[in-house]
Amino acid sequence: MKIYLVSLGAGLLAGLVYSLLGVRSPAPPVVALVGLAGILLGEQFIPLAKRFADRTELVRFVREDCAPQILGTPSPRQENDA
């Protein structure tokens, strides 16, 4: 139930931002895609910043966690398990 409330809250926040920017909902496809890309990239920012001090961990995180989620490809871990 908590995940649904968080999702509703995120949707309300997005609606408020759309309203402030004067963009009608549903947004034009290009605006929506740019917004989704921003969400995907923004999701990775905090974990990436945490790992920035350790270069080896940073490279592993980008290859195994960030890239598959952003690009929609299986991670190297998933490929090895198959």
PDB file of N, CA and C in Angstrom:
ATOM      1  N   MET A   1       0.818  -1.191   0.000  1.00  0.00           N
ATOM      2  CA  MET A   1       0.000   0.000   0.000  1.00  0.00           C
ATOM      3  C   MET A   1       0.868   1.264   0.000  1.00  0.00           C
ATOM      4  N   LYS A   2       2.012   1.193   0.696  1.00  0.00           N
ATOM      5  CA  LYS A   2       2.893   2.347   0.792  1.00  0.00           C
ATOM      6  C   LYS A   2       3.402   2.780  -0.590  1.00  0.00           C
ATOM      7  N   ILE A   3       3.744   1.799  -1.440  1.00  0.00           N
ATOM      8  CA  ILE A   3       4.268   2.122  -2.766  1.00  0.00           C
ATOM      9  C   ILE A   3       3.230   2.876  -3.596  1.00  0.00           C
ATOM     10  N   TYR A   4       1.955   2.554  -3.407  1.00  0.00           N
ATOM     11  CA  TYR A   4       0.897   3.241  -4.142  1.00  0.00           C
ATOM     12  C   TYR A   4       0.753   4.679  -3.669  1.00  0.00           C
ATOM     13  N   LEU A   5       0.894   4.894  -2.374  1.00  0.00           N
ATOM     14  CA  LEU A   5       0.811   6.256  -1.842  1.00  0.00           C
ATOM     15  C   LEU A   5       1.996   7.099  -2.313  1.00  0.00           C
ATOM     16  N   VAL A   6       3.179   6.493  -2.341  1.00  0.00           N
ATOM     17  CA  VAL A   6       4.362   7.203  -2.848  1.00  0.00           C
ATOM     18  C   VAL A   6       4.178   7.530  -4.326  1.00  0.00           C
ATOM     19  N   SER A   7       3.656   6.575  -5.083  1.00  0.00           N
ATOM     20  CA  SER A   7       3.418   6.797  -6.505  1.00  0.00           C
ATOM     21  C   SER A   7       2.390   7.907  -6.719  1.00  0.00           C
ATOM     22  N   LEU A   8       1.333   7.906  -5.927  1.00  0.00           N
ATOM     23  CA  LEU A   8       0.329   8.964  -6.019  1.00  0.00           C
ATOM     24  C   LEU A   8       0.949  10.317  -5.686  1.00  0.00           C
ATOM     25  N   GLY A   9       1.769  10.365  -4.654  1.00  0.00           N
ATOM     26  CA  GLY A   9       2.436  11.605  -4.283  1.00  0.00           C
ATOM     27  C   GLY A   9       3.353  12.112  -5.392  1.00  0.00           C
ATOM     28  N   ALA A  10       4.099  11.205  -6.018  1.00  0.00           N
ATOM     29  CA  ALA A  10       4.984  11.588  -7.124  1.00  0.00           C
ATOM     30  C   ALA A  10       4.157  12.113  -8.301  1.00  0.00           C
ATOM     31  N   GLY A  11       3.021  11.471  -8.567  1.00  0.00           N
ATOM     32  CA  GLY A  11       2.148  11.932  -9.644  1.00  0.00           C
ATOM     33  C   GLY A  11       1.576  13.307  -9.362  1.00  0.00           C
ATOM     34  N   LEU A  12       1.189  13.540  -8.107  1.00  0.00           N
ATOM     35  CA  LEU A  12       0.684  14.859  -7.733  1.00  0.00           C
ATOM     36  C   LEU A  12       1.768  15.923  -7.892  1.00  0.00           C
ATOM     37  N   LEU A  13       2.968  15.576  -7.473  1.00  0.00           N
ATOM     38  CA  LEU A  13       4.086  16.515  -7.616  1.00  0.00           C
ATOM     39  C   LEU A  13       4.347  16.827  -9.093  1.00  0.00           C
ATOM     40  N   ALA A  14       4.312  15.808  -9.935  1.00  0.00           N
ATOM     41  CA  ALA A  14       4.511  16.017 -11.374  1.00  0.00           C
ATOM     42  C   ALA A  14       3.402  16.898 -11.939  1.00  0.00           C
ATOM     43  N   GLY A  15       2.175  16.677 -11.487  1.00  0.00           N
ATOM     44  CA  GLY A  15       1.058  17.497 -11.938  1.00  0.00           C
ATOM     45  C   GLY A  15       1.229  18.957 -11.545  1.00  0.00           C
ATOM     46  N   LEU A  16       1.729  19.186 -10.327  1.00  0.00           N
ATOM     47  CA  LEU A  16       1.976  20.552  -9.883  1.00  0.00           C
ATOM     48  C   LEU A  16       3.055  21.221 -10.740  1.00  0.00           C
ATOM     49  N   VAL A  17       4.119  20.476 -11.038  1.00  0.00           N
ATOM     50  CA  VAL A  17       5.197  21.018 -11.874  1.00  0.00           C
ATOM     51  C   VAL A  17       4.666  21.328 -13.267  1.00  0.00           C
ATOM     52  N   TYR A  18       3.856  20.426 -13.844  1.00  0.00           N
ATOM     53  CA  TYR A  18       3.259  20.676 -15.159  1.00  0.00           C
ATOM     54  C   TYR A  18       2.442  21.956 -15.122  1.00  0.00           C
ATOM     55  N   SER A  19       1.659  22.115 -14.061  1.00  0.00           N
ATOM     56  CA  SER A  19       0.817  23.299 -13.930  1.00  0.00           C
ATOM     57  C   SER A  19       1.657  24.571 -13.851  1.00  0.00           C
ATOM     58  N   LEU A  20       2.726  24.530 -13.064  1.00  0.00           N
ATOM     59  CA  LEU A  20       3.596  25.701 -12.935  1.00  0.00           C
ATOM     60  C   LEU A  20       4.292  26.050 -14.248  1.00  0.00           C
ATOM     61  N   LEU A  21       4.619  25.022 -15.039  1.00  0.00           N
ATOM     62  CA  LEU A  21       5.291  25.252 -16.319  1.00  0.00           C
ATOM     63  C   LEU A  21       4.317  25.580 -17.448  1.00  0.00           C
ATOM     64  N   GLY A  22       3.032  25.415 -17.176  1.00  0.00           N
ATOM     65  CA  GLY A  22       2.032  25.699 -18.200  1.00  0.00           C
ATOM     66  C   GLY A  22       1.937  24.630 -19.267  1.00  0.00           C
ATOM     67  N   VAL A  23       2.331  23.402 -18.953  1.00  0.00           N
ATOM     68  CA  VAL A  23       2.262  22.285 -19.898  1.00  0.00           C
ATOM     69  C   VAL A  23       0.972  21.529 -19.605  1.00  0.00           C
ATOM     70  N   ARG A  24       0.219  21.238 -20.646  1.00  0.00           N
ATOM     71  CA  ARG A  24      -1.030  20.506 -20.452  1.00  0.00           C
ATOM     72  C   ARG A  24      -0.745  19.030 -20.258  1.00  0.00           C
ATOM     73  N   SER A  25      -1.579  18.390 -19.486  1.00  0.00           N
ATOM     74  CA  SER A  25      -1.437  16.952 -19.260  1.00  0.00           C
ATOM     75  C   SER A  25      -2.539  16.250 -20.023  1.00  0.00           C
ATOM     76  N   PRO A  26      -2.301  15.226 -20.791  1.00  0.00           N
ATOM     77  CA  PRO A  26      -1.000  14.616 -20.985  1.00  0.00           C
ATOM     78  C   PRO A  26      -0.088  15.512 -21.819  1.00  0.00           C
ATOM     79  N   ALA A  27       1.152  15.461 -21.458  1.00  0.00           N
ATOM     80  CA  ALA A  27       2.149  16.297 -22.113  1.00  0.00           C
ATOM     81  C   ALA A  27       2.362  15.835 -23.556  1.00  0.00           C
ATOM     82  N   PRO A  28       2.805  16.747 -24.403  1.00  0.00           N
ATOM     83  CA  PRO A  28       3.183  16.327 -25.762  1.00  0.00           C
ATOM     84  C   PRO A  28       4.259  15.232 -25.675  1.00  0.00           C
ATOM     85  N   PRO A  29       4.283  14.313 -26.613  1.00  0.00           N
ATOM     86  CA  PRO A  29       5.201  13.170 -26.524  1.00  0.00           C
ATOM     87  C   PRO A  29       6.663  13.533 -26.261  1.00  0.00           C
ATOM     88  N   VAL A  30       7.162  14.566 -26.905  1.00  0.00           N
ATOM     89  CA  VAL A  30       8.569  14.932 -26.711  1.00  0.00           C
ATOM     90  C   VAL A  30       8.803  15.400 -25.278  1.00  0.00           C
ATOM     91  N   VAL A  31       7.886  16.204 -24.756  1.00  0.00           N
ATOM     92  CA  VAL A  31       8.021  16.690 -23.384  1.00  0.00           C
ATOM     93  C   VAL A  31       7.971  15.516 -22.409  1.00  0.00           C
ATOM     94  N   ALA A  32       7.050  14.591 -22.646  1.00  0.00           N
ATOM     95  CA  ALA A  32       6.919  13.423 -21.775  1.00  0.00           C
ATOM     96  C   ALA A  32       8.181  12.566 -21.816  1.00  0.00           C
ATOM     97  N   LEU A  33       8.744  12.344 -22.996  1.00  0.00           N
ATOM     98  CA  LEU A  33       9.954  11.527 -23.117  1.00  0.00           C
ATOM     99  C   LEU A  33      11.150  12.183 -22.444  1.00  0.00           C
ATOM    100  N   VAL A  34      11.272  13.490 -22.594  1.00  0.00           N
ATOM    101  CA  VAL A  34      12.366  14.208 -21.936  1.00  0.00           C
ATOM    102  C   VAL A  34      12.194  14.107 -20.421  1.00  0.00           C
ATOM    103  N   GLY A  35      10.966  14.220 -19.954  1.00  0.00           N
ATOM    104  CA  GLY A  35      10.701  14.072 -18.527  1.00  0.00           C
ATOM    105  C   GLY A  35      11.045  12.686 -18.024  1.00  0.00           C
ATOM    106  N   LEU A  36      10.685  11.661 -18.770  1.00  0.00           N
ATOM    107  CA  LEU A  36      11.027  10.288 -18.375  1.00  0.00           C
ATOM    108  C   LEU A  36      12.536  10.075 -18.359  1.00  0.00           C
ATOM    109  N   ALA A  37      13.224  10.628 -19.339  1.00  0.00           N
ATOM    110  CA  ALA A  37      14.686  10.519 -19.349  1.00  0.00           C
ATOM    111  C   ALA A  37      15.269  11.201 -18.117  1.00  0.00           C
ATOM    112  N   GLY A  38      14.718  12.336 -17.755  1.00  0.00           N
ATOM    113  CA  GLY A  38      15.170  13.031 -16.549  1.00  0.00           C
ATOM    114  C   GLY A  38      14.942  12.216 -15.301  1.00  0.00           C
ATOM    115  N   ILE A  39      13.810  11.533 -15.240  1.00  0.00           N
ATOM    116  CA  ILE A  39      13.525  10.671 -14.090  1.00  0.00           C
ATOM    117  C   ILE A  39      14.548   9.546 -14.011  1.00  0.00           C
ATOM    118  N   LEU A  40      14.801   8.883 -15.136  1.00  0.00           N
ATOM    119  CA  LEU A  40      15.769   7.773 -15.143  1.00  0.00           C
ATOM    120  C   LEU A  40      17.163   8.228 -14.742  1.00  0.00           C
ATOM    121  N   LEU A  41      17.591   9.374 -15.257  1.00  0.00           N
ATOM    122  CA  LEU A  41      18.919   9.877 -14.924  1.00  0.00           C
ATOM    123  C   LEU A  41      18.968  10.389 -13.484  1.00  0.00           C
ATOM    124  N   GLY A  42      17.933  11.082 -13.065  1.00  0.00           N
ATOM    125  CA  GLY A  42      17.890  11.606 -11.711  1.00  0.00           C
ATOM    126  C   GLY A  42      17.879  10.522 -10.655  1.00  0.00           C
ATOM    127  N   GLU A  43      17.254   9.393 -10.984  1.00  0.00           N
ATOM    128  CA  GLU A  43      17.210   8.240 -10.091  1.00  0.00           C
ATOM    129  C   GLU A  43      18.607   7.722  -9.774  1.00  0.00           C
ATOM    130  N   GLN A  44      19.514   7.890 -10.700  1.00  0.00           N
ATOM    131  CA  GLN A  44      20.863   7.353 -10.547  1.00  0.00           C
ATOM    132  C   GLN A  44      21.825   8.342  -9.892  1.00  0.00           C
ATOM    133  N   PHE A  45      21.417   9.591  -9.739  1.00  0.00           N
ATOM    134  CA  PHE A  45      22.336  10.624  -9.285  1.00  0.00           C
ATOM    135  C   PHE A  45      22.847  10.402  -7.863  1.00  0.00           C
ATOM    136  N   ILE A  46      21.976  10.146  -6.912  1.00  0.00           N
ATOM    137  CA  ILE A  46      22.396   9.980  -5.512  1.00  0.00           C
ATOM    138  C   ILE A  46      23.288   8.753  -5.340  1.00  0.00           C
ATOM    139  N   PRO A  47      22.883   7.567  -5.839  1.00  0.00           N
ATOM    140  CA  PRO A  47      23.786   6.413  -5.699  1.00  0.00           C
ATOM    141  C   PRO A  47      25.136   6.643  -6.384  1.00  0.00           C
ATOM    142  N   LEU A  48      25.131   7.335  -7.516  1.00  0.00           N
ATOM    143  CA  LEU A  48      26.368   7.623  -8.234  1.00  0.00           C
ATOM    144  C   LEU A  48      27.255   8.552  -7.409  1.00  0.00           C
ATOM    145  N   ALA A  49      26.664   9.564  -6.810  1.00  0.00           N
ATOM    146  CA  ALA A  49      27.425  10.500  -5.978  1.00  0.00           C
ATOM    147  C   ALA A  49      28.031   9.796  -4.759  1.00  0.00           C
ATOM    148  N   LYS A  50      27.318   8.836  -4.196  1.00  0.00           N
ATOM    149  CA  LYS A  50      27.825   8.091  -3.037  1.00  0.00           C
ATOM    150  C   LYS A  50      29.040   7.246  -3.397  1.00  0.00           C
ATOM    151  N   ARG A  51      29.058   6.757  -4.631  1.00  0.00           N
ATOM    152  CA  ARG A  51      30.147   5.863  -5.043  1.00  0.00           C
ATOM    153  C   ARG A  51      31.300   6.609  -5.714  1.00  0.00           C
ATOM    154  N   PHE A  52      31.183   7.911  -5.878  1.00  0.00           N
ATOM    155  CA  PHE A  52      32.170   8.683  -6.614  1.00  0.00           C
ATOM    156  C   PHE A  52      33.566   8.598  -6.004  1.00  0.00           C
ATOM    157  N   ALA A  53      33.660   8.459  -4.688  1.00  0.00           N
ATOM    158  CA  ALA A  53      34.962   8.415  -4.019  1.00  0.00           C
ATOM    159  C   ALA A  53      35.746   7.144  -4.370  1.00  0.00           C
ATOM    160  N   ASP A  54      35.060   6.050  -4.615  1.00  0.00           N
ATOM    161  CA  ASP A  54      35.715   4.768  -4.912  1.00  0.00           C
ATOM    162  C   ASP A  54      35.576   4.487  -6.409  1.00  0.00           C
ATOM    163  N   ARG A  55      36.623   4.744  -7.174  1.00  0.00           N
ATOM    164  CA  ARG A  55      36.561   4.636  -8.640  1.00  0.00           C
ATOM    165  C   ARG A  55      36.162   3.235  -9.119  1.00  0.00           C
ATOM    166  N   THR A  56      36.697   2.199  -8.487  1.00  0.00           N
ATOM    167  CA  THR A  56      36.377   0.831  -8.899  1.00  0.00           C
ATOM    168  C   THR A  56      34.893   0.559  -8.691  1.00  0.00           C
ATOM    169  N   GLU A  57      34.388   0.948  -7.543  1.00  0.00           N
ATOM    170  CA  GLU A  57      32.973   0.761  -7.245  1.00  0.00           C
ATOM    171  C   GLU A  57      32.114   1.607  -8.182  1.00  0.00           C
ATOM    172  N   LEU A  58      32.587   2.791  -8.533  1.00  0.00           N
ATOM    173  CA  LEU A  58      31.855   3.666  -9.442  1.00  0.00           C
ATOM    174  C   LEU A  58      31.699   3.013 -10.818  1.00  0.00           C
ATOM    175  N   VAL A  59      32.772   2.478 -11.347  1.00  0.00           N
ATOM    176  CA  VAL A  59      32.728   1.834 -12.670  1.00  0.00           C
ATOM    177  C   VAL A  59      31.804   0.622 -12.627  1.00  0.00           C
ATOM    178  N   ARG A  60      31.898  -0.177 -11.575  1.00  0.00           N
ATOM    179  CA  ARG A  60      31.030  -1.352 -11.443  1.00  0.00           C
ATOM    180  C   ARG A  60      29.570  -0.930 -11.369  1.00  0.00           C
ATOM    181  N   PHE A  61      29.287   0.093 -10.593  1.00  0.00           N
ATOM    182  CA  PHE A  61      27.910   0.560 -10.432  1.00  0.00           C
ATOM    183  C   PHE A  61      27.340   1.052 -11.756  1.00  0.00           C
ATOM    184  N   VAL A  62      28.118   1.830 -12.501  1.00  0.00           N
ATOM    185  CA  VAL A  62      27.630   2.353 -13.784  1.00  0.00           C
ATOM    186  C   VAL A  62      27.368   1.210 -14.754  1.00  0.00           C
ATOM    187  N   ARG A  63      28.276   0.264 -14.836  1.00  0.00           N
ATOM    188  CA  ARG A  63      28.112  -0.851 -15.785  1.00  0.00           C
ATOM    189  C   ARG A  63      26.984  -1.799 -15.397  1.00  0.00           C
ATOM    190  N   GLU A  64      26.888  -2.142 -14.117  1.00  0.00           N
ATOM    191  CA  GLU A  64      25.955  -3.188 -13.706  1.00  0.00           C
ATOM    192  C   GLU A  64      24.600  -2.672 -13.250  1.00  0.00           C
ATOM    193  N   ASP A  65      24.512  -1.438 -12.794  1.00  0.00           N
ATOM    194  CA  ASP A  65      23.248  -0.943 -12.268  1.00  0.00           C
ATOM    195  C   ASP A  65      22.656   0.189 -13.100  1.00  0.00           C
ATOM    196  N   CYS A  66      23.441   1.222 -13.387  1.00  0.00           N
ATOM    197  CA  CYS A  66      22.907   2.396 -14.101  1.00  0.00           C
ATOM    198  C   CYS A  66      22.571   2.074 -15.558  1.00  0.00           C
ATOM    199  N   ALA A  67      23.552   1.608 -16.288  1.00  0.00           N
ATOM    200  CA  ALA A  67      23.372   1.403 -17.728  1.00  0.00           C
ATOM    201  C   ALA A  67      22.203   0.467 -18.046  1.00  0.00           C
ATOM    202  N   PRO A  68      22.081  -0.691 -17.382  1.00  0.00           N
ATOM    203  CA  PRO A  68      20.953  -1.560 -17.710  1.00  0.00           C
ATOM    204  C   PRO A  68      19.594  -0.905 -17.442  1.00  0.00           C
ATOM    205  N   GLN A  69      19.488  -0.143 -16.362  1.00  0.00           N
ATOM    206  CA  GLN A  69      18.213   0.484 -16.049  1.00  0.00           C
ATOM    207  C   GLN A  69      17.883   1.594 -17.032  1.00  0.00           C
ATOM    208  N   ILE A  70      18.861   2.393 -17.391  1.00  0.00           N
ATOM    209  CA  ILE A  70      18.619   3.508 -18.302  1.00  0.00           C
ATOM    210  C   ILE A  70      18.425   3.009 -19.731  1.00  0.00           C
ATOM    211  N   LEU A  71      19.237   2.043 -20.163  1.00  0.00           N
ATOM    212  CA  LEU A  71      19.191   1.563 -21.540  1.00  0.00           C
ATOM    213  C   LEU A  71      18.234   0.398 -21.749  1.00  0.00           C
ATOM    214  N   GLY A  72      17.758  -0.206 -20.650  1.00  0.00           N
ATOM    215  CA  GLY A  72      16.823  -1.318 -20.768  1.00  0.00           C
ATOM    216  C   GLY A  72      17.463  -2.612 -21.241  1.00  0.00           C
ATOM    217  N   THR A  73      18.733  -2.776 -20.955  1.00  0.00           N
ATOM    218  CA  THR A  73      19.429  -4.002 -21.339  1.00  0.00           C
ATOM    219  C   THR A  73      19.705  -4.839 -20.095  1.00  0.00           C
ATOM    220  N   PRO A  74      19.876  -6.149 -20.243  1.00  0.00           N
ATOM    221  CA  PRO A  74      20.200  -6.963 -19.061  1.00  0.00           C
ATOM    222  C   PRO A  74      21.575  -6.607 -18.510  1.00  0.00           C
ATOM    223  N   SER A  75      21.689  -6.628 -17.200  1.00  0.00           N
ATOM    224  CA  SER A  75      22.981  -6.334 -16.585  1.00  0.00           C
ATOM    225  C   SER A  75      23.915  -7.516 -16.789  1.00  0.00           C
ATOM    226  N   PRO A  76      25.223  -7.305 -16.688  1.00  0.00           N
ATOM    227  CA  PRO A  76      26.164  -8.418 -16.819  1.00  0.00           C
ATOM    228  C   PRO A  76      25.863  -9.541 -15.819  1.00  0.00           C
ATOM    229  N   ARG A  77      25.368  -9.190 -14.629  1.00  0.00           N
ATOM    230  CA  ARG A  77      25.017 -10.210 -13.643  1.00  0.00           C
ATOM    231  C   ARG A  77      23.885 -11.077 -14.142  1.00  0.00           C
ATOM    232  N   GLN A  78      22.875 -10.478 -14.784  1.00  0.00           N
ATOM    233  CA  GLN A  78      21.747 -11.228 -15.296  1.00  0.00           C
ATOM    234  C   GLN A  78      22.162 -12.131 -16.452  1.00  0.00           C
ATOM    235  N   GLU A  79      23.077 -11.659 -17.285  1.00  0.00           N
ATOM    236  CA  GLU A  79      23.545 -12.464 -18.412  1.00  0.00           C
ATOM    237  C   GLU A  79      24.315 -13.681 -17.924  1.00  0.00           C
ATOM    238  N   ASN A  80      25.104 -13.531 -16.858  1.00  0.00           N
ATOM    239  CA  ASN A  80      25.872 -14.646 -16.327  1.00  0.00           C
ATOM    240  C   ASN A  80      24.985 -15.678 -15.648  1.00  0.00           C
ATOM    241  N   ASP A  81      23.854 -15.247 -15.080  1.00  0.00           N
ATOM    242  CA  ASP A  81      22.947 -16.158 -14.405  1.00  0.00           C
ATOM    243  C   ASP A  81      22.174 -17.022 -15.387  1.00  0.00           C
ATOM    244  N   ALA A  82      21.983 -16.523 -16.611  1.00  0.00           N
ATOM    245  CA  ALA A  82      21.168 -17.230 -17.594  1.00  0.00           C
ATOM    246  C   ALA A  82      21.876 -18.414 -18.189  1.00  0.00           C
TER     247      ALA A  82
END
